[in-house]
Amino acid sequence: MKLYGAQFHPEVGLTENGKVILKNFLYDIAGCSGTFTVQNRELECIREIKEKVGTSKVLVLLSGGVDSTVCTALLNRALNQDQVIAVHIDNGFMRKRESQSVEEALKKLGIHVKVINAAHSFYNGTTTLPISDEDRTPRKRISKTLNMTTSPEEKRKIIGDTFVKIANEVIGEMNLKPEEVFLAQGTLRPDLIESASLVASGKAELIKTHHNDTELVRKLREEGKVIEPLKDFHKDEVRILGRELGLPEEFVSRHPFPGPGLAIRVICAEEPYICKDFPETNNILKIVADFSASVKKPHTLLQRVKACTTEEHQEKLMQITSLHSLNAFLLPIKTVGVQGDCRSYSYVCGISSKEEPNWESLIFLARLIPRMCHNINRVVYIFGPPVKEPPTDVTPTFLTTGVLSTLRQADFEAHNILQESGYAGKISQMPVILTPLHFDRDPLQKQPSCQRSVVIRTFITSDFMTGIPATPGSEIPVEVVLKMVTEIKKIPGISRIIYDLTSKPPGTTEWE
């Protein structure tokens, strides 16, 4: 009957021989010829833009990243120059000197871009949200302002809606009618899949709302006012298309930087995340980190650990824990992850060590722990001396200018070092995250916590759907990572530096 099925993901980079499986299906079974190329898709994009826009104008939100730049290049190829209005909105969450360098780089490409400083509008931005997740009525509530919210989903929705509001203000200032102007975005297929957009699938689970797929954007899309020529492309395909369009390599191979910018790289929190499963999970982590000693003391939780692991895993655990003195514990924060194609928003496991880290052993633990404890979606290594007293509270953290400037400087130092090392091309993306964690505090100290910790998240991927962390000593030199640690530690208010060891899945590329 020629019916075939695969109950896994052959299309993602982590699947061994995935492309061979697809190739066999497409050519040997389905009889495809392979004549549909990137050049065909470029012509298809241009035809679609011309048909949809006609003689109207298009306002394109241009971040300076590869997606929005390729989108703008396609618009310029398809339409007259006076039809395309390129706008770069500085939302206050850009990297150090980012907006200035974006404007200069785009000018060299012949793209005139209008730069708008809208930091104040974003900091104080709000959106409308359902009364609760359970409430199925159309009733809405106004969210907190962006600089007072701690919810990553609310952050993304506020930022996405504020982009649309600013775009409408620009249209008004230019004496244009909103109904006669299209909004163009460099939206990719993974953005729509993770946002559970109906454009991608009626069955997708929400992982995180992308700023280019909020309710306001969906409303405009339904009205036929949004142009998204890259909506069927993945990141690697966009880079190929960019080269075909003649964009310089420094643009095409740029590390992605999310539209919400540093806003989703600050883990905001008012209070610690400690649920009733916190003590039991911590006990399981103690058994795992000291497995060689734990097997000598029978314990009900030890049986659970054994039930969740193979004999091969247990042998490896015995070997690692007999050679290395490790400490594993939960951190009182939560981050966004993806487990079983569904969104998770849960604990981070921290590991510290008495001796120099053995990175291969740590990567093994980072893969094993979320499989055993499904309430953990991320595992990290904490640099410095062993953590004797893991933090059980948080430093109150919001998107304030002081918090953002701390992260901006840490991000600047880390990326400068990566660039100078010559390894930037080996890493697909390197989010630098600020967490509300203050380690090594005196437990008797009455003053509130005031320090925070920085996470380095090196990520290697071909498609941004799945990926792995760069293992120090393998994909990135240990000395490069240690130099980042040294320089970031000099920034005032930094407690510890943390290294993310998590693959995707179970952890998303970004922490929020």
Protein backbone atom coordinates (compact mmCIF):
# COMPACT_ATOMS: atom_id res chain seq x y z
CA MET A 1 0.00 0.00 0.00
CA LYS A 2 3.08 2.23 0.12
CA LEU A 3 2.23 3.57 3.59
CA TYR A 4 5.22 4.59 5.70
CA GLY A 5 5.52 6.19 9.14
CA ALA A 6 8.22 7.38 11.54
CA GLN A 7 7.40 8.10 15.19
CA PHE A 8 10.44 10.28 15.84
CA HIS A 9 12.16 13.28 14.22
CA PRO A 10 14.36 12.26 11.25
CA GLU A 11 14.48 15.93 10.16
CA VAL A 12 16.43 17.28 13.15
CA GLY A 13 20.22 17.55 13.32
CA LEU A 14 20.62 15.19 16.32
CA THR A 15 19.03 12.20 14.51
CA GLU A 16 21.76 9.91 13.18
CA ASN A 17 21.23 9.18 9.46
CA GLY A 18 18.08 11.36 9.54
CA LYS A 19 18.86 12.90 6.15
CA VAL A 20 19.49 9.44 4.67
CA ILE A 21 16.04 8.30 5.91
CA LEU A 22 14.39 11.34 4.31
CA LYS A 23 16.42 10.97 1.09
CA ASN A 24 15.44 7.29 0.77
CA PHE A 25 11.79 8.19 1.27
CA LEU A 26 11.76 11.18 -1.09
CA TYR A 27 13.74 9.68 -3.97
CA ASP A 28 13.50 5.87 -3.70
CA ILE A 29 9.90 5.61 -2.44
CA ALA A 30 8.03 8.82 -3.34
CA GLY A 31 9.89 9.24 -6.65
CA CYS A 32 10.79 12.94 -6.19
CA SER A 33 13.38 14.42 -8.56
CA GLY A 34 15.09 17.08 -6.39
CA THR A 35 14.69 19.96 -8.85
CA PHE A 36 13.13 22.30 -6.24
CA THR A 37 16.14 24.36 -5.12
CA VAL A 38 16.88 27.45 -3.01
CA GLN A 39 16.84 29.45 -6.25
CA ASN A 40 13.28 28.18 -6.97
CA ARG A 41 12.24 29.15 -3.45
CA GLU A 42 13.75 32.64 -3.87
CA LEU A 43 11.68 33.19 -7.03
CA GLU A 44 8.60 31.79 -5.24
CA CYS A 45 9.12 34.25 -2.31
CA ILE A 46 9.50 37.20 -4.71
CA ARG A 47 6.37 36.18 -6.68
CA GLU A 48 4.36 35.87 -3.44
CA ILE A 49 5.51 39.32 -2.20
CA LYS A 50 4.63 41.00 -5.53
CA GLU A 51 1.19 39.38 -5.70
CA LYS A 52 0.28 40.22 -2.10
CA VAL A 53 1.67 43.77 -1.88
CA GLY A 54 0.92 45.15 -5.35
CA THR A 55 1.55 48.92 -5.19
CA SER A 56 1.08 49.22 -1.40
CA LYS A 57 3.84 49.98 1.08
CA VAL A 58 5.51 47.53 3.46
CA LEU A 59 6.95 48.35 6.87
CA VAL A 60 9.64 45.83 7.78
CA LEU A 61 10.88 45.51 11.35
CA LEU A 62 14.62 45.09 10.94
CA SER A 63 16.65 43.85 13.93
CA GLY A 64 19.89 43.46 11.95
CA GLY A 65 19.89 39.68 12.39
CA VAL A 66 20.07 37.28 9.46
CA ASP A 67 16.29 36.60 9.28
CA SER A 68 15.06 40.20 9.10
CA THR A 69 17.97 41.22 6.82
CA VAL A 70 17.23 38.41 4.33
CA CYS A 71 13.51 39.33 4.54
CA THR A 72 14.37 42.98 3.70
CA ALA A 73 16.67 41.92 0.84
CA LEU A 74 13.79 39.87 -0.64
CA LEU A 75 11.40 42.84 -0.31
CA ASN A 76 13.92 45.12 -2.04
CA ARG A 77 14.33 42.54 -4.82
CA ALA A 78 10.55 42.19 -5.30
CA LEU A 79 9.34 45.79 -4.88
CA ASN A 80 10.31 49.36 -5.73
CA GLN A 81 12.61 50.95 -3.15
CA ASP A 82 10.03 53.61 -2.16
CA GLN A 83 7.56 50.85 -1.21
CA VAL A 84 9.82 49.40 1.52
CA ILE A 85 10.03 51.22 4.88
CA ALA A 86 12.80 49.62 6.98
CA VAL A 87 12.58 50.37 10.70
CA HIS A 88 14.96 49.28 13.46
CA ILE A 89 13.35 49.62 16.89
CA ASP A 90 15.76 49.89 19.82
CA ASN A 91 13.63 48.30 22.53
CA GLY A 92 16.12 48.98 25.33
CA PHE A 93 17.17 45.32 25.42
CA MET A 94 19.84 45.45 22.74
CA ARG A 95 23.47 44.46 23.25
CA LYS A 96 26.16 47.03 23.90
CA ARG A 97 26.28 49.51 20.93
CA GLU A 98 24.12 47.07 18.91
CA SER A 99 21.64 49.54 17.32
CA GLN A 100 24.43 51.86 16.17
CA SER A 101 26.41 49.02 14.54
CA VAL A 102 23.23 47.60 12.90
CA GLU A 103 22.46 50.98 11.30
CA GLU A 104 26.06 51.34 10.02
CA ALA A 105 26.18 47.77 8.64
CA LEU A 106 22.83 48.07 6.86
CA LYS A 107 23.85 51.38 5.26
CA LYS A 108 26.82 49.57 3.70
CA LEU A 109 24.33 47.14 2.13
CA GLY A 110 22.41 50.07 0.67
CA ILE A 111 19.48 49.60 3.08
CA HIS A 112 18.37 52.90 4.59
CA VAL A 113 16.92 52.15 8.01
CA LYS A 114 14.99 54.43 10.35
CA VAL A 115 16.18 53.88 13.96
CA ILE A 116 13.64 54.49 16.73
CA ASN A 117 14.57 54.58 20.40
CA ALA A 118 11.52 53.12 22.13
CA ALA A 119 13.09 51.84 25.37
CA HIS A 120 10.64 53.79 27.55
CA SER A 121 7.60 52.43 25.68
CA PHE A 122 8.86 48.85 26.11
CA TYR A 123 9.83 49.15 29.80
CA ASN A 124 6.32 50.43 30.55
CA GLY A 125 4.52 48.28 27.98
CA THR A 126 1.52 46.11 28.83
CA THR A 127 -0.74 43.70 26.97
CA THR A 128 -4.11 42.03 27.50
CA LEU A 129 -4.11 38.46 28.79
CA PRO A 130 -6.75 35.83 29.66
CA ILE A 131 -8.06 36.05 33.24
CA SER A 132 -6.46 32.63 33.85
CA ASP A 133 -5.29 29.59 31.87
CA GLU A 134 -8.48 27.75 32.90
CA ASP A 135 -10.84 30.62 32.02
CA ARG A 136 -12.34 29.86 28.61
CA THR A 137 -14.42 33.08 28.42
CA PRO A 138 -13.23 36.02 26.28
CA ARG A 139 -12.65 38.13 29.42
CA LYS A 140 -9.23 39.76 29.57
CA ARG A 141 -7.00 41.42 32.14
CA ILE A 142 -4.26 44.01 31.68
CA SER A 143 -0.80 42.60 32.41
CA LYS A 144 1.74 44.20 34.71
CA THR A 145 4.16 46.58 33.02
CA LEU A 146 7.12 44.79 31.43
CA ASN A 147 9.59 46.10 34.02
CA MET A 148 7.50 44.56 36.81
CA THR A 149 6.59 41.14 35.38
CA THR A 150 8.48 37.92 36.13
CA SER A 151 6.59 35.62 33.70
CA PRO A 152 8.56 34.77 30.53
CA GLU A 153 5.37 34.28 28.50
CA GLU A 154 4.02 37.68 29.60
CA LYS A 155 7.38 39.28 28.74
CA ARG A 156 7.30 37.87 25.21
CA LYS A 157 3.67 38.87 24.61
CA ILE A 158 4.19 42.43 25.89
CA ILE A 159 7.30 42.87 23.73
CA GLY A 160 5.63 41.45 20.59
CA ASP A 161 2.56 43.66 21.00
CA THR A 162 4.67 46.75 21.73
CA PHE A 163 6.61 46.20 18.48
CA VAL A 164 3.28 46.30 16.59
CA LYS A 165 2.11 49.42 18.49
CA ILE A 166 5.39 51.25 17.69
CA ALA A 167 5.12 50.17 14.04
CA ASN A 168 1.60 51.69 13.92
CA GLU A 169 2.95 54.92 15.44
CA VAL A 170 5.62 55.09 12.70
CA ILE A 171 2.91 54.59 10.05
CA GLY A 172 0.90 57.44 11.62
CA GLU A 173 3.92 59.78 11.72
CA MET A 174 4.48 59.15 8.00
CA ASN A 175 0.83 60.12 7.30
CA LEU A 176 0.06 56.66 5.97
CA LYS A 177 -3.13 54.73 6.63
CA PRO A 178 -2.53 51.51 8.65
CA GLU A 179 -4.98 49.55 6.47
CA GLU A 180 -2.87 50.41 3.38
CA VAL A 181 0.48 49.27 4.87
CA PHE A 182 1.67 45.67 5.23
CA LEU A 183 3.85 44.57 8.17
CA ALA A 184 6.83 42.39 7.14
CA GLN A 185 8.70 40.07 9.53
CA GLY A 186 11.55 37.58 9.21
CA THR A 187 9.45 34.85 10.89
CA LEU A 188 10.88 31.32 10.48
CA ARG A 189 9.18 27.93 10.62
CA PRO A 190 10.56 27.04 14.11
CA ASP A 191 9.15 30.35 15.50
CA LEU A 192 5.66 29.33 14.37
CA ILE A 193 6.04 25.72 15.58
CA GLU A 194 7.23 26.77 19.07
CA SER A 195 4.46 29.41 19.28
CA ALA A 196 1.87 26.72 18.32
CA SER A 197 0.74 28.88 15.40
CA LEU A 198 -2.00 27.50 13.15
CA VAL A 199 0.15 28.65 10.21
CA ALA A 200 2.57 25.81 11.08
CA SER A 201 0.25 23.16 12.55
CA GLY A 202 -3.09 22.69 14.24
CA LYS A 203 -1.51 20.13 16.58
CA ALA A 204 1.66 21.85 17.84
CA GLU A 205 2.11 22.35 21.60
CA LEU A 206 3.04 25.85 22.83
CA ILE A 207 6.71 25.91 23.86
CA LYS A 208 7.10 29.70 24.03
CA THR A 209 5.34 32.62 22.36
CA HIS A 210 7.70 34.25 19.87
CA HIS A 211 7.53 38.04 19.75
CA ASN A 212 6.58 37.81 16.04
CA ASP A 213 3.56 35.57 16.73
CA THR A 214 1.60 37.30 19.49
CA GLU A 215 -2.18 37.82 19.49
CA LEU A 216 -1.89 41.24 17.79
CA VAL A 217 0.29 39.76 15.04
CA ARG A 218 -2.13 36.84 14.57
CA LYS A 219 -5.02 39.32 14.21
CA LEU A 220 -3.10 41.23 11.52
CA ARG A 221 -2.25 37.92 9.83
CA GLU A 222 -5.94 36.97 9.72
CA GLU A 223 -6.62 40.33 8.04
CA GLY A 224 -4.00 39.44 5.41
CA LYS A 225 -1.74 42.38 6.46
CA VAL A 226 1.44 40.44 7.38
CA ILE A 227 4.19 39.51 4.90
CA GLU A 228 6.39 36.59 6.06
CA PRO A 229 8.35 35.29 3.05
CA LEU A 230 10.55 33.04 5.25
CA LYS A 231 7.72 31.31 7.15
CA ASP A 232 8.55 27.92 5.57
CA PHE A 233 12.34 28.26 6.07
CA HIS A 234 14.66 27.04 8.80
CA LYS A 235 17.75 28.98 9.91
CA ASP A 236 20.23 26.98 7.79
CA GLU A 237 18.07 27.53 4.69
CA VAL A 238 17.83 31.28 5.38
CA ARG A 239 21.63 31.48 5.48
CA ILE A 240 21.84 29.73 2.07
CA LEU A 241 19.20 32.11 0.67
CA GLY A 242 21.12 35.11 2.10
CA ARG A 243 24.23 34.02 0.22
CA GLU A 244 22.18 33.61 -2.98
CA LEU A 245 20.91 37.19 -2.50
CA GLY A 246 24.53 38.40 -2.27
CA LEU A 247 24.56 39.36 1.41
CA PRO A 248 28.07 39.49 2.97
CA GLU A 249 29.19 36.46 5.01
CA GLU A 250 29.45 38.46 8.27
CA PHE A 251 25.68 39.06 8.03
CA VAL A 252 24.75 35.57 6.88
CA SER A 253 26.77 33.74 9.56
CA ARG A 254 25.87 36.06 12.47
CA HIS A 255 24.88 34.40 15.72
CA PRO A 256 21.10 34.75 16.15
CA PHE A 257 19.92 37.35 18.64
CA PRO A 258 16.24 37.11 19.68
CA GLY A 259 13.82 39.96 18.97
CA PRO A 260 13.07 40.44 22.70
CA GLY A 261 16.86 40.70 23.17
CA LEU A 262 18.29 40.72 26.68
CA ALA A 263 14.76 40.86 28.16
CA ILE A 264 14.46 37.07 27.91
CA ARG A 265 18.03 36.58 29.12
CA VAL A 266 17.27 37.98 32.56
CA ILE A 267 15.56 35.42 34.81
CA CYS A 268 13.21 37.70 36.72
CA ALA A 269 11.94 36.54 40.10
CA GLU A 270 10.42 37.93 43.29
CA GLU A 271 10.51 34.72 45.29
CA PRO A 272 12.25 31.34 45.07
CA TYR A 273 10.68 28.49 43.10
CA ILE A 274 10.42 25.70 45.67
CA CYS A 275 7.57 23.20 45.26
CA LYS A 276 6.68 20.25 47.49
CA ASP A 277 8.84 17.91 45.35
CA PHE A 278 11.97 20.03 46.05
CA PRO A 279 13.35 18.00 49.04
CA GLU A 280 12.77 14.60 47.45
CA THR A 281 14.36 15.64 44.12
CA ASN A 282 17.33 17.06 46.01
CA ASN A 283 17.78 13.70 47.77
CA ILE A 284 17.71 11.86 44.42
CA LEU A 285 20.39 14.25 43.11
CA LYS A 286 22.55 13.53 46.19
CA ILE A 287 22.34 9.78 45.46
CA VAL A 288 23.27 10.34 41.80
CA ALA A 289 26.21 12.66 42.62
CA ASP A 290 27.59 10.19 45.18
CA PHE A 291 26.37 6.98 43.55
CA SER A 292 29.45 4.87 44.40
CA ALA A 293 28.87 5.50 48.14
CA SER A 294 25.05 5.45 47.92
CA VAL A 295 24.88 1.85 46.61
CA LYS A 296 26.42 0.69 49.90
CA LYS A 297 23.49 2.18 51.86
CA PRO A 298 20.11 0.72 50.83
CA HIS A 299 17.49 3.47 50.40
CA THR A 300 14.05 3.58 48.77
CA LEU A 301 15.16 6.48 46.56
CA LEU A 302 18.20 4.44 45.45
CA GLN A 303 15.77 1.87 44.04
CA ARG A 304 14.04 4.65 42.11
CA VAL A 305 17.38 5.79 40.65
CA LYS A 306 18.18 2.21 39.63
CA ALA A 307 14.71 1.75 38.11
CA CYS A 308 15.25 4.82 35.91
CA THR A 309 18.73 3.81 34.68
CA THR A 310 20.25 0.96 32.70
CA GLU A 311 23.08 -1.20 34.02
CA GLU A 312 25.38 0.63 31.62
CA HIS A 313 24.32 4.00 33.12
CA GLN A 314 24.88 2.67 36.64
CA GLU A 315 28.37 1.44 35.77
CA LYS A 316 29.22 4.84 34.30
CA LEU A 317 27.83 6.57 37.41
CA MET A 318 29.94 4.30 39.65
CA GLN A 319 33.04 5.17 37.64
CA ILE A 320 32.40 8.95 37.61
CA THR A 321 31.47 9.27 41.29
CA SER A 322 34.35 7.11 42.52
CA LEU A 323 36.83 9.32 40.63
CA HIS A 324 35.26 12.76 41.23
CA SER A 325 33.87 14.51 44.27
CA LEU A 326 30.63 16.07 43.02
CA ASN A 327 27.71 17.86 44.58
CA ALA A 328 24.33 18.10 42.76
CA PHE A 329 21.34 20.14 43.96
CA LEU A 330 18.30 22.05 42.77
CA LEU A 331 18.42 25.80 42.22
CA PRO A 332 15.30 27.74 43.32
CA ILE A 333 14.51 29.08 39.83
CA LYS A 334 12.75 27.69 36.77
CA THR A 335 13.53 27.89 33.07
CA VAL A 336 11.73 26.99 29.85
CA GLY A 337 12.44 23.62 28.27
CA VAL A 338 10.96 21.18 25.77
CA GLN A 339 10.28 17.58 26.81
CA GLY A 340 8.35 15.10 24.66
CA ASP A 341 7.49 17.92 22.18
CA CYS A 342 5.74 19.80 25.03
CA ARG A 343 6.68 22.93 26.96
CA SER A 344 8.18 22.49 30.40
CA TYR A 345 8.84 25.28 32.88
CA SER A 346 10.78 23.77 35.72
CA TYR A 347 13.88 23.30 37.88
CA VAL A 348 17.55 23.76 37.09
CA CYS A 349 20.02 21.26 38.58
CA GLY A 350 23.38 22.73 39.65
CA ILE A 351 26.58 20.69 39.93
CA SER A 352 29.75 21.81 41.69
CA SER A 353 33.05 20.03 42.22
CA LYS A 354 36.11 20.02 44.49
CA GLU A 355 38.51 19.46 41.61
CA GLU A 356 38.84 20.68 38.03
CA PRO A 357 35.69 19.74 36.09
CA ASN A 358 35.74 16.61 33.95
CA TRP A 359 33.57 17.92 31.14
CA GLU A 360 32.69 14.61 29.51
CA SER A 361 31.45 13.23 32.85
CA LEU A 362 29.41 16.41 33.44
CA ILE A 363 27.81 16.18 29.97
CA PHE A 364 26.88 12.53 30.72
CA LEU A 365 25.19 13.61 33.98
CA ALA A 366 23.42 16.47 32.20
CA ARG A 367 21.87 13.96 29.78
CA LEU A 368 20.98 11.42 32.46
CA ILE A 369 19.47 13.64 35.20
CA PRO A 370 16.47 15.08 33.22
CA ARG A 371 15.61 11.54 32.05
CA MET A 372 15.44 10.41 35.68
CA CYS A 373 13.82 13.56 37.11
CA HIS A 374 11.25 14.93 34.68
CA ASN A 375 10.81 18.03 36.85
CA ILE A 376 14.37 19.10 35.81
CA ASN A 377 14.87 20.45 32.30
CA ARG A 378 18.34 21.99 32.63
CA VAL A 379 21.67 21.00 34.21
CA VAL A 380 24.53 23.45 34.82
CA TYR A 381 28.07 23.48 36.22
CA ILE A 382 28.92 26.16 38.80
CA PHE A 383 32.50 27.46 38.63
CA GLY A 384 34.45 28.13 41.80
CA PRO A 385 34.82 26.23 45.09
CA PRO A 386 32.24 23.53 46.00
CA VAL A 387 28.84 25.00 46.82
CA LYS A 388 28.39 24.12 50.50
CA GLU A 389 25.02 25.80 51.01
CA PRO A 390 22.97 25.96 47.77
CA PRO A 391 20.87 29.14 47.67
CA THR A 392 17.25 28.72 48.79
CA ASP A 393 16.20 32.31 48.11
CA VAL A 394 16.57 34.71 45.18
CA THR A 395 17.75 38.26 44.64
CA PRO A 396 14.58 40.17 43.62
CA THR A 397 15.15 40.79 39.91
CA PHE A 398 13.19 42.74 37.29
CA LEU A 399 13.97 44.34 33.93
CA THR A 400 15.45 47.49 35.44
CA THR A 401 18.20 49.55 33.80
CA GLY A 402 20.80 48.50 36.42
CA VAL A 403 20.07 44.79 35.95
CA LEU A 404 20.17 45.14 32.15
CA SER A 405 23.47 47.06 32.19
CA THR A 406 25.07 44.27 34.29
CA LEU A 407 23.96 41.64 31.77
CA ARG A 408 24.93 43.87 28.82
CA GLN A 409 28.50 44.11 30.13
CA ALA A 410 28.73 40.34 30.82
CA ASP A 411 27.42 39.61 27.32
CA PHE A 412 29.93 42.07 25.81
CA GLU A 413 32.90 40.50 27.63
CA ALA A 414 31.92 36.91 26.75
CA HIS A 415 31.33 37.60 23.05
CA ASN A 416 34.50 39.67 22.71
CA ILE A 417 36.54 36.76 24.09
CA LEU A 418 34.74 34.24 21.83
CA GLN A 419 35.36 36.45 18.78
CA GLU A 420 39.06 36.98 19.60
CA SER A 421 39.55 33.23 20.14
CA GLY A 422 38.54 32.45 16.54
CA TYR A 423 35.91 29.94 17.77
CA ALA A 424 32.81 32.08 17.10
CA GLY A 425 32.24 30.17 13.84
CA LYS A 426 32.29 26.83 15.68
CA ILE A 427 29.49 27.93 18.05
CA SER A 428 26.01 28.48 16.58
CA GLN A 429 24.78 30.76 19.37
CA MET A 430 25.92 31.84 22.83
CA PRO A 431 23.21 33.32 25.03
CA VAL A 432 24.57 34.92 28.22
CA ILE A 433 21.95 34.88 30.98
CA LEU A 434 21.60 36.73 34.29
CA THR A 435 20.01 34.68 37.10
CA PRO A 436 18.75 35.94 40.50
CA LEU A 437 21.10 33.57 42.38
CA HIS A 438 23.50 34.70 45.11
CA PHE A 439 25.85 31.88 46.18
CA ASP A 440 28.08 31.70 49.30
CA ARG A 441 25.86 33.94 51.40
CA ASP A 442 26.10 33.78 55.16
CA PRO A 443 22.84 31.97 56.09
CA LEU A 444 22.59 34.10 59.26
CA GLN A 445 22.84 37.36 57.30
CA LYS A 446 19.68 39.40 57.70
CA GLN A 447 20.21 41.78 54.76
CA PRO A 448 18.41 40.89 51.52
CA SER A 449 20.47 39.32 48.75
CA CYS A 450 21.99 41.76 46.25
CA GLN A 451 24.17 39.67 43.92
CA ARG A 452 23.33 37.64 40.81
CA SER A 453 25.01 34.92 38.77
CA VAL A 454 25.79 34.76 35.05
CA VAL A 455 25.22 31.72 32.81
CA ILE A 456 27.22 31.01 29.65
CA ARG A 457 25.15 28.92 27.22
CA THR A 458 27.24 27.71 24.26
CA PHE A 459 25.05 25.99 21.68
CA ILE A 460 25.88 23.98 18.56
CA THR A 461 23.15 23.17 16.03
CA SER A 462 22.48 23.00 12.31
CA ASP A 463 18.73 23.63 12.41
CA PHE A 464 17.99 25.28 15.82
CA MET A 465 15.34 22.62 16.44
CA THR A 466 17.78 20.41 18.36
CA GLY A 467 21.37 20.97 19.49
CA ILE A 468 24.12 20.29 22.00
CA PRO A 469 26.25 22.39 24.37
CA ALA A 470 29.87 22.94 23.33
CA THR A 471 32.02 20.68 25.51
CA PRO A 472 35.05 22.60 26.84
CA GLY A 473 38.23 20.89 25.67
CA SER A 474 36.43 19.53 22.61
CA GLU A 475 34.28 22.04 20.65
CA ILE A 476 35.69 25.05 22.54
CA PRO A 477 39.07 25.39 24.33
CA VAL A 478 38.91 25.25 28.14
CA GLU A 479 41.11 28.37 28.36
CA VAL A 480 38.56 30.39 26.31
CA VAL A 481 35.78 29.46 28.74
CA LEU A 482 38.01 30.19 31.77
CA LYS A 483 38.91 33.60 30.33
CA MET A 484 35.20 34.41 30.05
CA VAL A 485 34.73 33.33 33.67
CA THR A 486 37.62 35.53 34.85
CA GLU A 487 36.46 38.65 32.97
CA ILE A 488 32.77 38.35 33.85
CA LYS A 489 33.63 37.80 37.53
CA LYS A 490 35.21 41.30 37.57
CA ILE A 491 31.82 42.92 36.94
CA PRO A 492 30.37 44.34 40.19
CA GLY A 493 27.44 42.42 41.66
CA ILE A 494 28.32 39.02 40.14
CA SER A 495 28.29 36.07 42.56
CA ARG A 496 29.23 33.05 40.41
CA ILE A 497 29.64 32.05 36.76
CA ILE A 498 27.64 29.05 35.54
CA TYR A 499 28.05 26.87 32.42
CA ASP A 500 24.93 25.35 30.80
CA LEU A 501 25.50 21.65 29.99
CA THR A 502 22.05 20.98 28.52
CA SER A 503 21.14 19.67 25.07
CA LYS A 504 17.95 20.69 23.27
CA PRO A 505 15.77 18.87 24.25
CA PRO A 506 15.28 18.97 27.26
CA GLY A 507 16.42 22.61 27.48
CA THR A 508 15.47 25.21 24.87
CA THR A 509 18.29 27.32 23.36
CA GLU A 510 17.21 30.32 25.43
CA TRP A 511 16.40 30.05 29.14
CA GLU A 512 13.05 31.78 28.65
